[in-house]
């Protein structure tokens, strides 16, 4: 994440793995979750994605250092897009898992 970082073809496999992970997330969220109304399945899948979000945020922290990671005023545009979207998506997943914003009485158990 440094300004001096240069694309290296030998790292392409890592970029491809990351892209595959994002495609899997998109597939799970767009297709798999639409096949069930069971909130337990939704929450389990979102917990897995949230775990990956956490590791991705840790990687950002490790690359940027605490001073930059915790201070959005120091983020470059790339950092803002990456970290900003990760924080927002993680917050939405946490809200869903804890049923924040659900109508009263909807969300406990299986919905069919």
PDB file of N, CA and C in Angstrom:
ATOM      1  N   UNK A   1       0.812  -1.192   0.000  1.00  0.00           N
ATOM      2  CA  UNK A   1       0.000   0.000   0.000  1.00  0.00           C
ATOM      3  C   UNK A   1       0.856   1.256   0.000  1.00  0.00           C
ATOM      4  N   UNK A   2       2.096   1.076  -0.148  1.00  0.00           N
ATOM      5  CA  UNK A   2       3.001   2.212  -0.201  1.00  0.00           C
ATOM      6  C   UNK A   2       2.961   2.845  -1.582  1.00  0.00           C
ATOM      7  N   UNK A   3       3.256   4.135  -1.646  1.00  0.00           N
ATOM      8  CA  UNK A   3       3.324   4.831  -2.933  1.00  0.00           C
ATOM      9  C   UNK A   3       4.407   4.221  -3.818  1.00  0.00           C
ATOM     10  N   UNK A   4       5.399   3.588  -3.212  1.00  0.00           N
ATOM     11  CA  UNK A   4       6.505   3.001  -3.966  1.00  0.00           C
ATOM     12  C   UNK A   4       6.191   1.588  -4.445  1.00  0.00           C
ATOM     13  N   UNK A   5       5.028   1.055  -4.074  1.00  0.00           N
ATOM     14  CA  UNK A   5       4.667  -0.295  -4.470  1.00  0.00           C
ATOM     15  C   UNK A   5       4.435  -0.359  -5.973  1.00  0.00           C
ATOM     16  N   UNK A   6       5.012  -1.372  -6.585  1.00  0.00           N
ATOM     17  CA  UNK A   6       4.909  -1.550  -8.030  1.00  0.00           C
ATOM     18  C   UNK A   6       4.310  -2.929  -8.299  1.00  0.00           C
ATOM     19  N   UNK A   7       3.463  -3.013  -9.314  1.00  0.00           N
ATOM     20  CA  UNK A   7       2.897  -4.302  -9.705  1.00  0.00           C
ATOM     21  C   UNK A   7       4.025  -5.237 -10.122  1.00  0.00           C
ATOM     22  N   UNK A   8       3.961  -6.464  -9.623  1.00  0.00           N
ATOM     23  CA  UNK A   8       4.931  -7.488  -9.977  1.00  0.00           C
ATOM     24  C   UNK A   8       4.166  -8.694 -10.501  1.00  0.00           C
ATOM     25  N   UNK A   9       4.493  -9.140 -11.690  1.00  0.00           N
ATOM     26  CA  UNK A   9       3.777 -10.258 -12.311  1.00  0.00           C
ATOM     27  C   UNK A   9       3.817 -11.513 -11.445  1.00  0.00           C
ATOM     28  N   UNK A  10       4.876 -11.690 -10.676  1.00  0.00           N
ATOM     29  CA  UNK A  10       4.979 -12.878  -9.829  1.00  0.00           C
ATOM     30  C   UNK A  10       3.937 -12.879  -8.714  1.00  0.00           C
ATOM     31  N   UNK A  11       3.329 -11.736  -8.439  1.00  0.00           N
ATOM     32  CA  UNK A  11       2.282 -11.650  -7.419  1.00  0.00           C
ATOM     33  C   UNK A  11       0.884 -11.842  -8.005  1.00  0.00           C
ATOM     34  N   UNK A  12       0.785 -12.030  -9.311  1.00  0.00           N
ATOM     35  CA  UNK A  12      -0.521 -12.135  -9.961  1.00  0.00           C
ATOM     36  C   UNK A  12      -1.373 -13.244  -9.353  1.00  0.00           C
ATOM     37  N   UNK A  13      -0.753 -14.336  -8.946  1.00  0.00           N
ATOM     38  CA  UNK A  13      -1.520 -15.434  -8.365  1.00  0.00           C
ATOM     39  C   UNK A  13      -2.254 -14.971  -7.104  1.00  0.00           C
ATOM     40  N   UNK A  14      -1.635 -14.130  -6.309  1.00  0.00           N
ATOM     41  CA  UNK A  14      -2.284 -13.612  -5.099  1.00  0.00           C
ATOM     42  C   UNK A  14      -3.470 -12.729  -5.477  1.00  0.00           C
ATOM     43  N   UNK A  15      -3.291 -11.889  -6.492  1.00  0.00           N
ATOM     44  CA  UNK A  15      -4.389 -11.032  -6.943  1.00  0.00           C
ATOM     45  C   UNK A  15      -5.539 -11.879  -7.480  1.00  0.00           C
ATOM     46  N   UNK A  16      -5.216 -12.938  -8.183  1.00  0.00           N
ATOM     47  CA  UNK A  16      -6.253 -13.823  -8.722  1.00  0.00           C
ATOM     48  C   UNK A  16      -6.994 -14.545  -7.603  1.00  0.00           C
ATOM     49  N   UNK A  17      -6.284 -14.980  -6.572  1.00  0.00           N
ATOM     50  CA  UNK A  17      -6.934 -15.607  -5.422  1.00  0.00           C
ATOM     51  C   UNK A  17      -7.887 -14.628  -4.745  1.00  0.00           C
ATOM     52  N   UNK A  18      -7.437 -13.394  -4.575  1.00  0.00           N
ATOM     53  CA  UNK A  18      -8.286 -12.379  -3.962  1.00  0.00           C
ATOM     54  C   UNK A  18      -9.530 -12.129  -4.812  1.00  0.00           C
ATOM     55  N   UNK A  19      -9.347 -12.046  -6.112  1.00  0.00           N
ATOM     56  CA  UNK A  19     -10.487 -11.852  -7.012  1.00  0.00           C
ATOM     57  C   UNK A  19     -11.457 -13.026  -6.911  1.00  0.00           C
ATOM     58  N   UNK A  20     -10.933 -14.237  -6.815  1.00  0.00           N
ATOM     59  CA  UNK A  20     -11.789 -15.416  -6.681  1.00  0.00           C
ATOM     60  C   UNK A  20     -12.601 -15.357  -5.391  1.00  0.00           C
ATOM     61  N   UNK A  21     -11.989 -14.878  -4.327  1.00  0.00           N
ATOM     62  CA  UNK A  21     -12.705 -14.732  -3.060  1.00  0.00           C
ATOM     63  C   UNK A  21     -13.849 -13.743  -3.198  1.00  0.00           C
ATOM     64  N   UNK A  22     -13.604 -12.626  -3.861  1.00  0.00           N
ATOM     65  CA  UNK A  22     -14.661 -11.635  -4.060  1.00  0.00           C
ATOM     66  C   UNK A  22     -15.784 -12.183  -4.933  1.00  0.00           C
ATOM     67  N   UNK A  23     -15.446 -12.971  -5.940  1.00  0.00           N
ATOM     68  CA  UNK A  23     -16.479 -13.588  -6.781  1.00  0.00           C
ATOM     69  C   UNK A  23     -17.311 -14.558  -5.948  1.00  0.00           C
ATOM     70  N   UNK A  24     -16.663 -15.333  -5.081  1.00  0.00           N
ATOM     71  CA  UNK A  24     -17.394 -16.248  -4.202  1.00  0.00           C
ATOM     72  C   UNK A  24     -18.341 -15.477  -3.287  1.00  0.00           C
ATOM     73  N   UNK A  25     -17.876 -14.383  -2.696  1.00  0.00           N
ATOM     74  CA  UNK A  25     -18.745 -13.564  -1.844  1.00  0.00           C
ATOM     75  C   UNK A  25     -19.950 -13.067  -2.630  1.00  0.00           C
ATOM     76  N   UNK A  26     -19.696 -12.551  -3.819  1.00  0.00           N
ATOM     77  CA  UNK A  26     -20.788 -12.024  -4.643  1.00  0.00           C
ATOM     78  C   UNK A  26     -21.780 -13.131  -4.987  1.00  0.00           C
ATOM     79  N   UNK A  27     -21.279 -14.300  -5.341  1.00  0.00           N
ATOM     80  CA  UNK A  27     -22.155 -15.428  -5.656  1.00  0.00           C
ATOM     81  C   UNK A  27     -22.977 -15.829  -4.440  1.00  0.00           C
ATOM     82  N   UNK A  28     -22.317 -15.969  -3.298  1.00  0.00           N
ATOM     83  CA  UNK A  28     -23.036 -16.351  -2.078  1.00  0.00           C
ATOM     84  C   UNK A  28     -24.121 -15.346  -1.726  1.00  0.00           C
ATOM     85  N   UNK A  29     -23.786 -14.066  -1.820  1.00  0.00           N
ATOM     86  CA  UNK A  29     -24.756 -13.041  -1.441  1.00  0.00           C
ATOM     87  C   UNK A  29     -25.854 -12.878  -2.491  1.00  0.00           C
ATOM     88  N   UNK A  30     -25.536 -13.057  -3.761  1.00  0.00           N
ATOM     89  CA  UNK A  30     -26.520 -12.838  -4.821  1.00  0.00           C
ATOM     90  C   UNK A  30     -27.345 -14.081  -5.145  1.00  0.00           C
ATOM     91  N   UNK A  31     -26.778 -15.265  -4.946  1.00  0.00           N
ATOM     92  CA  UNK A  31     -27.480 -16.485  -5.342  1.00  0.00           C
ATOM     93  C   UNK A  31     -27.832 -17.359  -4.141  1.00  0.00           C
ATOM     94  N   UNK A  32     -26.833 -17.790  -3.391  1.00  0.00           N
ATOM     95  CA  UNK A  32     -27.064 -18.753  -2.315  1.00  0.00           C
ATOM     96  C   UNK A  32     -28.058 -18.223  -1.286  1.00  0.00           C
ATOM     97  N   UNK A  33     -27.889 -16.991  -0.850  1.00  0.00           N
ATOM     98  CA  UNK A  33     -28.786 -16.464   0.182  1.00  0.00           C
ATOM     99  C   UNK A  33     -30.216 -16.288  -0.315  1.00  0.00           C
ATOM    100  N   UNK A  34     -30.409 -16.220  -1.607  1.00  0.00           N
ATOM    101  CA  UNK A  34     -31.763 -16.088  -2.138  1.00  0.00           C
ATOM    102  C   UNK A  34     -32.482 -17.432  -2.220  1.00  0.00           C
ATOM    103  N   UNK A  35     -31.778 -18.507  -1.957  1.00  0.00           N
ATOM    104  CA  UNK A  35     -32.372 -19.838  -1.999  1.00  0.00           C
ATOM    105  C   UNK A  35     -32.996 -20.245  -0.671  1.00  0.00           C
ATOM    106  N   UNK A  36     -32.794 -19.447   0.361  1.00  0.00           N
ATOM    107  CA  UNK A  36     -33.335 -19.797   1.676  1.00  0.00           C
ATOM    108  C   UNK A  36     -33.821 -18.553   2.408  1.00  0.00           C
ATOM    109  N   UNK A  37     -34.827 -18.760   3.234  1.00  0.00           N
ATOM    110  CA  UNK A  37     -35.307 -17.702   4.124  1.00  0.00           C
ATOM    111  C   UNK A  37     -34.879 -17.967   5.562  1.00  0.00           C
ATOM    112  N   UNK A  38     -34.079 -18.996   5.765  1.00  0.00           N
ATOM    113  CA  UNK A  38     -33.633 -19.375   7.104  1.00  0.00           C
ATOM    114  C   UNK A  38     -32.558 -18.393   7.578  1.00  0.00           C
ATOM    115  N   UNK A  39     -32.885 -17.614   8.598  1.00  0.00           N
ATOM    116  CA  UNK A  39     -31.944 -16.609   9.097  1.00  0.00           C
ATOM    117  C   UNK A  39     -30.676 -17.226   9.670  1.00  0.00           C
ATOM    118  N   UNK A  40     -30.762 -18.461  10.145  1.00  0.00           N
ATOM    119  CA  UNK A  40     -29.569 -19.129  10.663  1.00  0.00           C
ATOM    120  C   UNK A  40     -28.544 -19.317   9.545  1.00  0.00           C
ATOM    121  N   UNK A  41     -29.001 -19.691   8.367  1.00  0.00           N
ATOM    122  CA  UNK A  41     -28.105 -19.848   7.217  1.00  0.00           C
ATOM    123  C   UNK A  41     -27.527 -18.493   6.826  1.00  0.00           C
ATOM    124  N   UNK A  42     -28.375 -17.472   6.763  1.00  0.00           N
ATOM    125  CA  UNK A  42     -27.909 -16.127   6.420  1.00  0.00           C
ATOM    126  C   UNK A  42     -26.825 -15.670   7.396  1.00  0.00           C
ATOM    127  N   UNK A  43     -27.107 -15.829   8.679  1.00  0.00           N
ATOM    128  CA  UNK A  43     -26.154 -15.364   9.695  1.00  0.00           C
ATOM    129  C   UNK A  43     -24.842 -16.142   9.633  1.00  0.00           C
ATOM    130  N   UNK A  44     -24.917 -17.451   9.420  1.00  0.00           N
ATOM    131  CA  UNK A  44     -23.698 -18.261   9.344  1.00  0.00           C
ATOM    132  C   UNK A  44     -22.833 -17.822   8.166  1.00  0.00           C
ATOM    133  N   UNK A  45     -23.453 -17.622   7.017  1.00  0.00           N
ATOM    134  CA  UNK A  45     -22.701 -17.197   5.837  1.00  0.00           C
ATOM    135  C   UNK A  45     -22.108 -15.810   6.039  1.00  0.00           C
ATOM    136  N   UNK A  46     -22.890 -14.900   6.600  1.00  0.00           N
ATOM    137  CA  UNK A  46     -22.388 -13.547   6.839  1.00  0.00           C
ATOM    138  C   UNK A  46     -21.282 -13.526   7.894  1.00  0.00           C
ATOM    139  N   UNK A  47     -21.332 -14.432   8.865  1.00  0.00           N
ATOM    140  CA  UNK A  47     -20.236 -14.525   9.846  1.00  0.00           C
ATOM    141  C   UNK A  47     -18.934 -14.921   9.149  1.00  0.00           C
ATOM    142  N   UNK A  48     -19.012 -15.847   8.215  1.00  0.00           N
ATOM    143  CA  UNK A  48     -17.822 -16.240   7.461  1.00  0.00           C
ATOM    144  C   UNK A  48     -17.253 -15.091   6.652  1.00  0.00           C
ATOM    145  N   UNK A  49     -18.133 -14.340   5.998  1.00  0.00           N
ATOM    146  CA  UNK A  49     -17.681 -13.192   5.217  1.00  0.00           C
ATOM    147  C   UNK A  49     -17.119 -12.117   6.144  1.00  0.00           C
ATOM    148  N   UNK A  50     -17.741 -11.929   7.302  1.00  0.00           N
ATOM    149  CA  UNK A  50     -17.247 -10.956   8.279  1.00  0.00           C
ATOM    150  C   UNK A  50     -15.861 -11.346   8.792  1.00  0.00           C
ATOM    151  N   UNK A  51     -15.629 -12.624   8.950  1.00  0.00           N
ATOM    152  CA  UNK A  51     -14.297 -13.090   9.344  1.00  0.00           C
ATOM    153  C   UNK A  51     -13.269 -12.695   8.288  1.00  0.00           C
ATOM    154  N   UNK A  52     -13.612 -12.889   7.031  1.00  0.00           N
ATOM    155  CA  UNK A  52     -12.700 -12.495   5.946  1.00  0.00           C
ATOM    156  C   UNK A  52     -12.506 -10.978   5.931  1.00  0.00           C
ATOM    157  N   UNK A  53     -13.585 -10.214   6.161  1.00  0.00           N
ATOM    158  CA  UNK A  53     -13.466  -8.753   6.253  1.00  0.00           C
ATOM    159  C   UNK A  53     -12.471  -8.366   7.347  1.00  0.00           C
ATOM    160  N   UNK A  54     -12.556  -9.051   8.484  1.00  0.00           N
ATOM    161  CA  UNK A  54     -11.667  -8.755   9.613  1.00  0.00           C
ATOM    162  C   UNK A  54     -10.208  -8.994   9.245  1.00  0.00           C
ATOM    163  N   UNK A  55      -9.956 -10.082   8.544  1.00  0.00           N
ATOM    164  CA  UNK A  55      -8.584 -10.381   8.123  1.00  0.00           C
ATOM    165  C   UNK A  55      -8.110  -9.354   7.102  1.00  0.00           C
ATOM    166  N   UNK A  56      -9.003  -8.942   6.218  1.00  0.00           N
ATOM    167  CA  UNK A  56      -8.664  -7.923   5.224  1.00  0.00           C
ATOM    168  C   UNK A  56      -8.340  -6.597   5.923  1.00  0.00           C
ATOM    169  N   UNK A  57      -9.121  -6.233   6.936  1.00  0.00           N
ATOM    170  CA  UNK A  57      -8.841  -5.009   7.693  1.00  0.00           C
ATOM    171  C   UNK A  57      -7.508  -5.125   8.435  1.00  0.00           C
ATOM    172  N   UNK A  58      -7.236  -6.294   8.993  1.00  0.00           N
ATOM    173  CA  UNK A  58      -5.948  -6.504   9.660  1.00  0.00           C
ATOM    174  C   UNK A  58      -4.796  -6.305   8.677  1.00  0.00           C
ATOM    175  N   UNK A  59      -4.958  -6.821   7.459  1.00  0.00           N
ATOM    176  CA  UNK A  59      -3.911  -6.658   6.445  1.00  0.00           C
ATOM    177  C   UNK A  59      -3.696  -5.181   6.129  1.00  0.00           C
ATOM    178  N   UNK A  60      -4.779  -4.417   6.075  1.00  0.00           N
ATOM    179  CA  UNK A  60      -4.653  -2.973   5.853  1.00  0.00           C
ATOM    180  C   UNK A  60      -3.924  -2.295   6.995  1.00  0.00           C
ATOM    181  N   UNK A  61      -4.252  -2.700   8.209  1.00  0.00           N
ATOM    182  CA  UNK A  61      -3.579  -2.143   9.391  1.00  0.00           C
ATOM    183  C   UNK A  61      -2.087  -2.482   9.359  1.00  0.00           C
ATOM    184  N   UNK A  62      -1.773  -3.736   9.022  1.00  0.00           N
ATOM    185  CA  UNK A  62      -0.371  -4.161   8.979  1.00  0.00           C
ATOM    186  C   UNK A  62       0.402  -3.408   7.896  1.00  0.00           C
ATOM    187  N   UNK A  63      -0.243  -3.133   6.770  1.00  0.00           N
ATOM    188  CA  UNK A  63       0.442  -2.449   5.670  1.00  0.00           C
ATOM    189  C   UNK A  63       0.586  -0.953   5.919  1.00  0.00           C
ATOM    190  N   UNK A  64      -0.434  -0.335   6.494  1.00  0.00           N
ATOM    191  CA  UNK A  64      -0.423   1.123   6.675  1.00  0.00           C
ATOM    192  C   UNK A  64       0.180   1.570   7.998  1.00  0.00           C
ATOM    193  N   UNK A  65       0.100   0.716   9.004  1.00  0.00           N
ATOM    194  CA  UNK A  65       0.510   1.110  10.349  1.00  0.00           C
ATOM    195  C   UNK A  65      -0.665   1.756  11.072  1.00  0.00           C
ATOM    196  N   UNK A  66      -0.620   1.721  12.375  1.00  0.00           N
ATOM    197  CA  UNK A  66      -1.731   2.233  13.189  1.00  0.00           C
ATOM    198  C   UNK A  66      -2.020   3.702  12.955  1.00  0.00           C
ATOM    199  N   UNK A  67      -0.971   4.510  12.815  1.00  0.00           N
ATOM    200  CA  UNK A  67      -1.177   5.956  12.667  1.00  0.00           C
ATOM    201  C   UNK A  67      -2.045   6.287  11.463  1.00  0.00           C
ATOM    202  N   UNK A  68      -1.804   5.638  10.347  1.00  0.00           N
ATOM    203  CA  UNK A  68      -2.584   5.907   9.133  1.00  0.00           C
ATOM    204  C   UNK A  68      -3.910   5.154   9.172  1.00  0.00           C
ATOM    205  N   UNK A  69      -3.881   3.888   9.584  1.00  0.00           N
ATOM    206  CA  UNK A  69      -5.084   3.049   9.563  1.00  0.00           C
ATOM    207  C   UNK A  69      -6.230   3.669  10.354  1.00  0.00           C
ATOM    208  N   UNK A  70      -5.938   4.222  11.516  1.00  0.00           N
ATOM    209  CA  UNK A  70      -6.988   4.770  12.382  1.00  0.00           C
ATOM    210  C   UNK A  70      -7.271   6.250  12.133  1.00  0.00           C
ATOM    211  N   UNK A  71      -6.636   6.850  11.146  1.00  0.00           N
ATOM    212  CA  UNK A  71      -6.848   8.271  10.859  1.00  0.00           C
ATOM    213  C   UNK A  71      -7.247   8.462   9.393  1.00  0.00           C
ATOM    214  N   UNK A  72      -8.553   8.456   9.092  1.00  0.00           N
ATOM    215  CA  UNK A  72      -9.001   8.601   7.701  1.00  0.00           C
ATOM    216  C   UNK A  72      -8.477   9.861   7.010  1.00  0.00           C
ATOM    217  N   UNK A  73      -8.109  10.878   7.764  1.00  0.00           N
ATOM    218  CA  UNK A  73      -7.566  12.099   7.152  1.00  0.00           C
ATOM    219  C   UNK A  73      -6.233  11.826   6.453  1.00  0.00           C
ATOM    220  N   UNK A  74      -5.550  10.764   6.844  1.00  0.00           N
ATOM    221  CA  UNK A  74      -4.263  10.424   6.240  1.00  0.00           C
ATOM    222  C   UNK A  74      -4.383   9.408   5.101  1.00  0.00           C
ATOM    223  N   UNK A  75      -5.586   8.923   4.835  1.00  0.00           N
ATOM    224  CA  UNK A  75      -5.769   7.918   3.794  1.00  0.00           C
ATOM    225  C   UNK A  75      -5.627   8.530   2.414  1.00  0.00           C
ATOM    226  N   UNK A  76      -4.983   7.781   1.515  1.00  0.00           N
ATOM    227  CA  UNK A  76      -4.988   8.137   0.099  1.00  0.00           C
ATOM    228  C   UNK A  76      -6.343   7.711  -0.470  1.00  0.00           C
ATOM    229  N   UNK A  77      -6.626   8.084  -1.693  1.00  0.00           N
ATOM    230  CA  UNK A  77      -7.893   7.703  -2.323  1.00  0.00           C
ATOM    231  C   UNK A  77      -8.072   6.184  -2.318  1.00  0.00           C
ATOM    232  N   UNK A  78      -7.012   5.451  -2.633  1.00  0.00           N
ATOM    233  CA  UNK A  78      -7.075   3.988  -2.658  1.00  0.00           C
ATOM    234  C   UNK A  78      -7.414   3.424  -1.280  1.00  0.00           C
ATOM    235  N   UNK A  79      -6.821   4.008  -0.251  1.00  0.00           N
ATOM    236  CA  UNK A  79      -7.092   3.563   1.115  1.00  0.00           C
ATOM    237  C   UNK A  79      -8.543   3.847   1.487  1.00  0.00           C
ATOM    238  N   UNK A  80      -9.029   5.024   1.104  1.00  0.00           N
ATOM    239  CA  UNK A  80     -10.405   5.410   1.430  1.00  0.00           C
ATOM    240  C   UNK A  80     -11.405   4.464   0.772  1.00  0.00           C
ATOM    241  N   UNK A  81     -11.175   4.124  -0.479  1.00  0.00           N
ATOM    242  CA  UNK A  81     -12.083   3.202  -1.173  1.00  0.00           C
ATOM    243  C   UNK A  81     -12.014   1.825  -0.528  1.00  0.00           C
ATOM    244  N   UNK A  82     -10.813   1.332  -0.300  1.00  0.00           N
ATOM    245  CA  UNK A  82     -10.624   0.000   0.261  1.00  0.00           C
ATOM    246  C   UNK A  82     -11.142  -0.081   1.697  1.00  0.00           C
ATOM    247  N   UNK A  83     -10.576   0.718   2.571  1.00  0.00           N
ATOM    248  CA  UNK A  83     -10.933   0.632   3.989  1.00  0.00           C
ATOM    249  C   UNK A  83     -12.332   1.165   4.263  1.00  0.00           C
ATOM    250  N   UNK A  84     -12.690   2.245   3.597  1.00  0.00           N
ATOM    251  CA  UNK A  84     -14.030   2.797   3.804  1.00  0.00           C
ATOM    252  C   UNK A  84     -15.115   1.804   3.443  1.00  0.00           C
ATOM    253  N   UNK A  85     -14.977   1.161   2.290  1.00  0.00           N
ATOM    254  CA  UNK A  85     -15.998   0.188   1.890  1.00  0.00           C
ATOM    255  C   UNK A  85     -15.976  -1.035   2.802  1.00  0.00           C
ATOM    256  N   UNK A  86     -14.800  -1.447   3.239  1.00  0.00           N
ATOM    257  CA  UNK A  86     -14.725  -2.593   4.153  1.00  0.00           C
ATOM    258  C   UNK A  86     -15.419  -2.303   5.477  1.00  0.00           C
ATOM    259  N   UNK A  87     -15.152  -1.138   6.054  1.00  0.00           N
ATOM    260  CA  UNK A  87     -15.784  -0.781   7.331  1.00  0.00           C
ATOM    261  C   UNK A  87     -17.302  -0.724   7.196  1.00  0.00           C
ATOM    262  N   UNK A  88     -17.783  -0.120   6.115  1.00  0.00           N
ATOM    263  CA  UNK A  88     -19.238   0.001   5.915  1.00  0.00           C
ATOM    264  C   UNK A  88     -19.866  -1.378   5.736  1.00  0.00           C
ATOM    265  N   UNK A  89     -19.274  -2.206   4.891  1.00  0.00           N
ATOM    266  CA  UNK A  89     -19.824  -3.544   4.671  1.00  0.00           C
ATOM    267  C   UNK A  89     -19.787  -4.380   5.949  1.00  0.00           C
ATOM    268  N   UNK A  90     -18.710  -4.287   6.694  1.00  0.00           N
ATOM    269  CA  UNK A  90     -18.612  -5.034   7.950  1.00  0.00           C
ATOM    270  C   UNK A  90     -19.680  -4.561   8.932  1.00  0.00           C
ATOM    271  N   UNK A  91     -19.910  -3.263   9.004  1.00  0.00           N
ATOM    272  CA  UNK A  91     -20.939  -2.727   9.907  1.00  0.00           C
ATOM    273  C   UNK A  91     -22.326  -3.226   9.512  1.00  0.00           C
ATOM    274  N   UNK A  92     -22.605  -3.279   8.225  1.00  0.00           N
ATOM    275  CA  UNK A  92     -23.905  -3.779   7.762  1.00  0.00           C
ATOM    276  C   UNK A  92     -24.054  -5.257   8.108  1.00  0.00           C
ATOM    277  N   UNK A  93     -23.001  -6.027   7.945  1.00  0.00           N
ATOM    278  CA  UNK A  93     -23.061  -7.456   8.285  1.00  0.00           C
ATOM    279  C   UNK A  93     -23.283  -7.652   9.780  1.00  0.00           C
ATOM    280  N   UNK A  94     -22.589  -6.878  10.603  1.00  0.00           N
ATOM    281  CA  UNK A  94     -22.786  -6.973  12.057  1.00  0.00           C
ATOM    282  C   UNK A  94     -24.224  -6.606  12.412  1.00  0.00           C
ATOM    283  N   UNK A  95     -24.748  -5.546  11.806  1.00  0.00           N
ATOM    284  CA  UNK A  95     -26.130  -5.133  12.074  1.00  0.00           C
ATOM    285  C   UNK A  95     -27.106  -6.246  11.707  1.00  0.00           C
ATOM    286  N   UNK A  96     -26.885  -6.903  10.587  1.00  0.00           N
ATOM    287  CA  UNK A  96     -27.773  -7.995  10.190  1.00  0.00           C
ATOM    288  C   UNK A  96     -27.669  -9.155  11.172  1.00  0.00           C
ATOM    289  N   UNK A  97     -26.451  -9.539  11.520  1.00  0.00           N
ATOM    290  CA  UNK A  97     -26.253 -10.670  12.430  1.00  0.00           C
ATOM    291  C   UNK A  97     -26.945 -10.418  13.768  1.00  0.00           C
ATOM    292  N   UNK A  98     -26.882  -9.174  14.263  1.00  0.00           N
ATOM    293  CA  UNK A  98     -27.525  -8.828  15.535  1.00  0.00           C
ATOM    294  C   UNK A  98     -28.957  -8.329  15.354  1.00  0.00           C
ATOM    295  N   UNK A  99     -29.476  -8.422  14.133  1.00  0.00           N
ATOM    296  CA  UNK A  99     -30.857  -8.074  13.810  1.00  0.00           C
ATOM    297  C   UNK A  99     -31.196  -6.627  14.133  1.00  0.00           C
ATOM    298  N   UNK A 100     -30.226  -5.754  13.968  1.00  0.00           N
ATOM    299  CA  UNK A 100     -30.455  -4.326  14.175  1.00  0.00           C
ATOM    300  C   UNK A 100     -31.251  -3.805  12.989  1.00  0.00           C
ATOM    301  N   UNK A 101     -32.376  -3.164  13.278  1.00  0.00           N
ATOM    302  CA  UNK A 101     -33.228  -2.634  12.225  1.00  0.00           C
ATOM    303  C   UNK A 101     -34.299  -3.603  11.753  1.00  0.00           C
ATOM    304  N   UNK A 102     -34.339  -4.804  12.312  1.00  0.00           N
ATOM    305  CA  UNK A 102     -35.387  -5.754  11.960  1.00  0.00           C
ATOM    306  C   UNK A 102     -36.695  -5.311  12.611  1.00  0.00           C
ATOM    307  N   UNK A 103     -37.828  -5.523  11.945  1.00  0.00           N
ATOM    308  CA  UNK A 103     -39.109  -5.256  12.607  1.00  0.00           C
ATOM    309  C   UNK A 103     -39.258  -6.170  13.816  1.00  0.00           C
ATOM    310  N   UNK A 104     -39.919  -5.697  14.828  1.00  0.00           N
ATOM    311  CA  UNK A 104     -40.117  -6.497  16.050  1.00  0.00           C
ATOM    312  C   UNK A 104     -40.790  -7.824  15.718  1.00  0.00           C
ATOM    313  N   UNK A 105     -40.234  -8.897  16.279  1.00  0.00           N
ATOM    314  CA  UNK A 105     -40.823 -10.215  16.098  1.00  0.00           C
ATOM    315  C   UNK A 105     -40.426 -10.905  14.800  1.00  0.00           C
ATOM    316  N   UNK A 106     -39.673 -10.249  13.942  1.00  0.00           N
ATOM    317  CA  UNK A 106     -39.244 -10.877  12.689  1.00  0.00           C
ATOM    318  C   UNK A 106     -37.758 -11.138  12.754  1.00  0.00           C
ATOM    319  N   UNK A 107     -37.330 -12.270  12.772  1.00  0.00           N
ATOM    320  CA  UNK A 107     -35.903 -12.498  12.781  1.00  0.00           C
ATOM    321  C   UNK A 107     -35.536 -13.607  13.727  1.00  0.00           C
ATOM    322  N   UNK A 108     -36.443 -13.946  14.612  1.00  0.00           N
ATOM    323  CA  UNK A 108     -36.161 -15.035  15.533  1.00  0.00           C
ATOM    324  C   UNK A 108     -36.552 -16.350  14.871  1.00  0.00           C
ATOM    325  N   UNK A 109     -35.560 -17.141  14.543  1.00  0.00           N
ATOM    326  CA  UNK A 109     -35.840 -18.453  13.979  1.00  0.00           C
ATOM    327  C   UNK A 109     -36.018 -18.445  12.475  1.00  0.00           C
ATOM    328  N   UNK A 110     -36.630 -19.519  11.998  1.00  0.00           N
ATOM    329  CA  UNK A 110     -36.770 -19.734  10.556  1.00  0.00           C
ATOM    330  C   UNK A 110     -37.948 -18.955  10.001  1.00  0.00           C
ATOM    331  N   UNK A 111     -37.718 -18.299   8.888  1.00  0.00           N
ATOM    332  CA  UNK A 111     -38.763 -17.570   8.174  1.00  0.00           C
ATOM    333  C   UNK A 111     -39.057 -18.325   6.884  1.00  0.00           C
ATOM    334  N   UNK A 112     -40.295 -18.646   6.611  1.00  0.00           N
ATOM    335  CA  UNK A 112     -40.634 -19.349   5.359  1.00  0.00           C
ATOM    336  C   UNK A 112     -41.705 -18.620   4.608  1.00  0.00           C
TER     337      UNK A 112
END
